[in-house]
Amino acid sequence: MNPAEKSNNKPLLCAAASCVSVIILKYLCNAVLLLTFLKDTKYSDMIFLMIVTTVTQVFPIAVIYKPAYKRLSPLIITDRKKRKNISFSLLVSAAGFLICTVLNFIISVLLMPSENSGVYIPDDLTGIVVSVFAVCVFPAVLEELLVRGAMLNSLRIYGDLAAVMISAAAFGALHNSISSMLYAFLCGIVLGCVRIYTGRLSASAAVHFLNNLLALIFCFTK
């Protein structure tokens, strides 16, 4: 394989290696954490989730993408000249959030209404705050840095459509149940489009956060 072919295959290899590492790390983290004192704490599920999210998303960025690309900032931070204005970005983000909300309703309410979300339902303010950070803040920041940051931007050498679809497929593969994989894949397409059309990782992260927050509120009130 010549250097040009290696360079062309690098984004795909990094994406595949990231998916495998995330899946393996999820199992390892859960196995280790279940043996610790955290299993007896009140907010153990949410604490587990924050730790697992941090480890599984940061590891591929630091161990796979950093050595492969040397500089992470061009992958994660879009050039200012390519960013759209705030008004347009807000409009695209609002449209993306609306589409994700409709998808969530179709899948969770119409297609699989009986599936258990498995989300911890807090009974105090501390529990609510911990849940919001675990389910909304950590995934919105860390998953966006990996999937719509390093992964999607590196895949854009194959074209924006391919980058969105491949990163969305990877995003779906990182979830557990069939319904969550399907929903994550579809939302991954929407989030990828938001990232590309606005030129802002913060836009896709905001949509991701609001979408998870709405789903969390739905679980609390269900």
Protein backbone atom coordinates (compact mmCIF):
# COMPACT_ATOMS: atom_id res chain seq x y z
CA MET A 1 0.00 0.00 0.00
CA ASN A 2 1.51 3.35 -1.04
CA PRO A 3 1.51 6.43 1.25
CA ALA A 4 -1.42 8.03 -0.60
CA GLU A 5 -3.59 4.93 -0.11
CA LYS A 6 -2.64 4.79 3.56
CA SER A 7 -3.60 8.44 3.95
CA ASN A 8 -6.95 7.87 2.22
CA ASN A 9 -7.74 4.90 4.47
CA LYS A 10 -6.68 6.60 7.69
CA PRO A 11 -10.07 8.22 8.51
CA LEU A 12 -11.91 4.91 8.05
CA LEU A 13 -9.35 3.00 10.11
CA CYS A 14 -9.54 5.60 12.89
CA ALA A 15 -13.35 5.49 12.88
CA ALA A 16 -13.41 1.68 13.01
CA ALA A 17 -10.76 1.57 15.74
CA SER A 18 -12.70 4.17 17.74
CA CYS A 19 -15.92 2.13 17.56
CA VAL A 20 -14.17 -1.05 18.66
CA SER A 21 -12.34 0.71 21.49
CA VAL A 22 -15.52 2.39 22.78
CA ILE A 23 -17.45 -0.88 22.82
CA ILE A 24 -14.63 -2.77 24.58
CA LEU A 25 -14.06 0.03 27.08
CA LYS A 26 -17.76 0.14 27.94
CA TYR A 27 -17.68 -3.49 29.02
CA LEU A 28 -14.37 -3.11 30.86
CA CYS A 29 -15.47 0.04 32.69
CA ASN A 30 -18.74 -1.49 33.77
CA ALA A 31 -16.98 -4.64 34.95
CA VAL A 32 -14.49 -2.63 37.00
CA LEU A 33 -16.98 -0.11 38.36
CA LEU A 34 -19.41 -2.81 39.49
CA LEU A 35 -16.67 -4.14 41.77
CA THR A 36 -16.07 -0.79 43.48
CA PHE A 37 -17.75 1.00 46.34
CA LEU A 38 -19.80 3.02 43.84
CA LYS A 39 -22.23 0.15 43.43
CA ASP A 40 -23.63 0.94 46.88
CA THR A 41 -24.05 4.69 46.41
CA LYS A 42 -27.38 6.38 45.82
CA TYR A 43 -26.50 7.76 42.39
CA SER A 44 -24.33 4.86 41.27
CA ASP A 45 -25.99 4.41 37.86
CA MET A 46 -25.50 8.05 36.92
CA ILE A 47 -21.95 8.15 38.31
CA PHE A 48 -21.18 5.00 36.29
CA LEU A 49 -22.57 6.65 33.19
CA MET A 50 -20.46 9.81 33.59
CA ILE A 51 -17.27 7.83 34.16
CA VAL A 52 -17.94 5.43 31.29
CA THR A 53 -18.83 8.28 28.92
CA THR A 54 -15.65 10.15 29.81
CA VAL A 55 -13.33 7.16 29.44
CA THR A 56 -14.88 5.77 26.25
CA GLN A 57 -15.01 9.09 24.39
CA VAL A 58 -11.70 10.59 25.51
CA PHE A 59 -9.67 7.42 24.89
CA PRO A 60 -10.16 7.30 21.07
CA ILE A 61 -9.44 11.03 20.78
CA ALA A 62 -6.23 10.82 22.82
CA VAL A 63 -4.96 7.40 21.73
CA ILE A 64 -6.22 7.05 18.15
CA TYR A 65 -6.82 10.48 16.61
CA LYS A 66 -4.05 12.44 18.36
CA PRO A 67 -1.21 10.14 17.18
CA ALA A 68 -2.77 9.78 13.70
CA TYR A 69 -3.32 13.49 13.02
CA LYS A 70 -0.80 15.11 15.40
CA ARG A 71 -2.97 18.24 15.77
CA LEU A 72 -6.57 17.79 16.94
CA SER A 73 -7.71 21.40 16.71
CA PRO A 74 -8.24 21.38 12.88
CA LEU A 75 -10.49 18.33 13.29
CA ILE A 76 -12.51 19.66 16.19
CA ILE A 77 -12.50 23.44 15.68
CA THR A 78 -13.84 24.62 12.33
CA ASP A 79 -12.05 27.51 10.65
CA ARG A 80 -13.81 30.78 11.53
CA LYS A 81 -14.14 31.63 7.85
CA LYS A 82 -16.26 28.50 7.31
CA ARG A 83 -18.68 29.20 10.16
CA LYS A 84 -22.13 30.49 9.29
CA ASN A 85 -23.61 33.50 11.05
CA ILE A 86 -25.37 33.07 14.37
CA SER A 87 -28.89 33.57 13.00
CA PHE A 88 -28.47 30.89 10.35
CA SER A 89 -26.82 28.54 12.86
CA LEU A 90 -29.72 28.99 15.28
CA LEU A 91 -32.24 28.29 12.54
CA VAL A 92 -30.44 25.10 11.44
CA SER A 93 -30.03 24.00 15.07
CA ALA A 94 -33.75 24.56 15.77
CA ALA A 95 -34.67 22.55 12.69
CA GLY A 96 -32.31 19.78 13.77
CA PHE A 97 -33.79 19.69 17.27
CA LEU A 98 -37.31 19.54 15.86
CA ILE A 99 -36.42 16.62 13.57
CA CYS A 100 -34.74 14.71 16.44
CA THR A 101 -37.82 15.30 18.61
CA VAL A 102 -40.12 13.91 15.93
CA LEU A 103 -37.84 10.89 15.47
CA ASN A 104 -37.80 10.30 19.22
CA PHE A 105 -41.58 10.39 19.34
CA ILE A 106 -41.97 8.01 16.39
CA ILE A 107 -39.50 5.45 17.72
CA SER A 108 -40.17 5.58 21.47
CA VAL A 109 -43.91 6.17 21.42
CA LEU A 110 -45.16 4.57 18.21
CA LEU A 111 -42.68 1.81 17.33
CA MET A 112 -41.39 0.61 20.71
CA PRO A 113 -43.63 2.07 23.43
CA SER A 114 -43.01 -0.71 25.95
CA GLU A 115 -39.21 -0.66 25.92
CA ASN A 116 -37.72 0.26 29.29
CA SER A 117 -35.48 3.33 29.12
CA GLY A 118 -33.41 2.18 32.10
CA VAL A 119 -32.96 5.77 33.25
CA TYR A 120 -32.64 6.40 36.98
CA ILE A 121 -35.58 8.50 38.24
CA PRO A 122 -34.29 10.88 40.95
CA ASP A 123 -36.32 11.83 43.99
CA ASP A 124 -34.38 14.94 45.03
CA LEU A 125 -32.64 18.00 43.53
CA THR A 126 -29.18 16.44 43.73
CA GLY A 127 -30.40 13.42 41.81
CA ILE A 128 -31.91 15.64 39.12
CA VAL A 129 -28.65 17.57 38.71
CA VAL A 130 -26.58 14.38 38.56
CA SER A 131 -28.98 12.91 35.99
CA VAL A 132 -28.82 16.01 33.79
CA PHE A 133 -25.02 15.94 33.79
CA ALA A 134 -24.84 12.19 33.17
CA VAL A 135 -27.49 11.96 30.46
CA CYS A 136 -27.28 15.40 28.83
CA VAL A 137 -24.07 17.34 29.50
CA PHE A 138 -21.40 14.63 29.34
CA PRO A 139 -22.72 12.92 26.16
CA ALA A 140 -23.40 16.23 24.40
CA VAL A 141 -19.85 17.45 24.95
CA LEU A 142 -17.76 14.29 24.76
CA GLU A 143 -19.67 12.36 22.07
CA GLU A 144 -19.73 15.44 19.87
CA LEU A 145 -15.99 15.95 20.28
CA LEU A 146 -15.37 12.38 19.10
CA VAL A 147 -18.11 11.70 16.54
CA ARG A 148 -18.95 15.08 14.99
CA GLY A 149 -15.52 16.50 15.79
CA ALA A 150 -12.57 14.23 15.13
CA MET A 151 -14.43 11.45 13.29
CA LEU A 152 -16.74 13.42 10.98
CA ASN A 153 -14.19 16.06 10.05
CA SER A 154 -11.52 13.48 9.21
CA LEU A 155 -14.03 11.57 7.06
CA ARG A 156 -14.87 14.65 4.97
CA ILE A 157 -12.09 13.74 2.52
CA TYR A 158 -14.65 11.26 1.12
CA GLY A 159 -17.29 13.99 0.77
CA ASP A 160 -19.74 15.49 3.26
CA LEU A 161 -22.49 12.94 2.59
CA ALA A 162 -20.16 10.00 3.23
CA ALA A 163 -18.78 11.70 6.34
CA VAL A 164 -22.27 12.24 7.78
CA MET A 165 -23.47 8.71 7.00
CA ILE A 166 -20.35 6.90 8.25
CA SER A 167 -20.15 8.94 11.45
CA ALA A 168 -23.89 8.42 12.02
CA ALA A 169 -23.47 4.66 11.56
CA ALA A 170 -20.61 4.70 14.07
CA PHE A 171 -22.73 6.76 16.48
CA GLY A 172 -25.54 4.22 16.20
CA ALA A 173 -23.17 1.30 16.74
CA LEU A 174 -22.04 2.80 20.04
CA HIS A 175 -25.50 2.42 21.58
CA ASN A 176 -26.97 -0.66 23.20
CA SER A 177 -30.50 -1.67 22.21
CA ILE A 178 -31.88 -1.97 18.67
CA SER A 179 -34.22 1.00 19.14
CA SER A 180 -31.47 3.21 20.55
CA MET A 181 -29.13 2.19 17.71
CA LEU A 182 -31.74 3.12 15.11
CA TYR A 183 -32.57 6.38 16.83
CA ALA A 184 -28.89 7.27 17.34
CA PHE A 185 -28.16 6.55 13.67
CA LEU A 186 -30.99 8.80 12.48
CA CYS A 187 -30.12 11.52 14.98
CA GLY A 188 -26.48 11.12 13.98
CA ILE A 189 -27.43 12.08 10.43
CA VAL A 190 -29.26 15.16 11.72
CA LEU A 191 -26.44 16.17 14.06
CA GLY A 192 -23.88 15.66 11.30
CA CYS A 193 -25.86 17.94 8.99
CA VAL A 194 -26.14 20.56 11.72
CA ARG A 195 -22.36 20.39 12.24
CA ILE A 196 -21.60 20.76 8.53
CA TYR A 197 -24.21 23.38 7.62
CA THR A 198 -23.40 25.64 10.59
CA GLY A 199 -19.67 24.99 10.71
CA ARG A 200 -20.00 24.88 14.49
CA LEU A 201 -19.45 21.88 16.75
CA SER A 202 -21.20 23.89 19.46
CA ALA A 203 -24.38 23.82 17.35
CA SER A 204 -24.55 20.02 17.13
CA ALA A 205 -23.59 19.80 20.83
CA ALA A 206 -26.46 22.14 21.75
CA VAL A 207 -28.96 20.09 19.73
CA HIS A 208 -27.59 16.89 21.29
CA PHE A 209 -27.95 18.37 24.79
CA LEU A 210 -31.50 19.63 24.26
CA ASN A 211 -32.57 16.38 22.65
CA ASN A 212 -31.25 14.32 25.57
CA LEU A 213 -32.77 16.76 28.05
CA LEU A 214 -36.19 16.43 26.44
CA ALA A 215 -35.89 12.63 26.49
CA LEU A 216 -34.86 12.77 30.17
CA ILE A 217 -37.85 14.97 31.04
CA PHE A 218 -40.10 12.53 29.19
CA CYS A 219 -38.67 9.66 31.28
CA PHE A 220 -39.23 11.62 34.50
CA THR A 221 -42.88 12.29 33.67
CA LYS A 222 -43.71 8.95 32.03
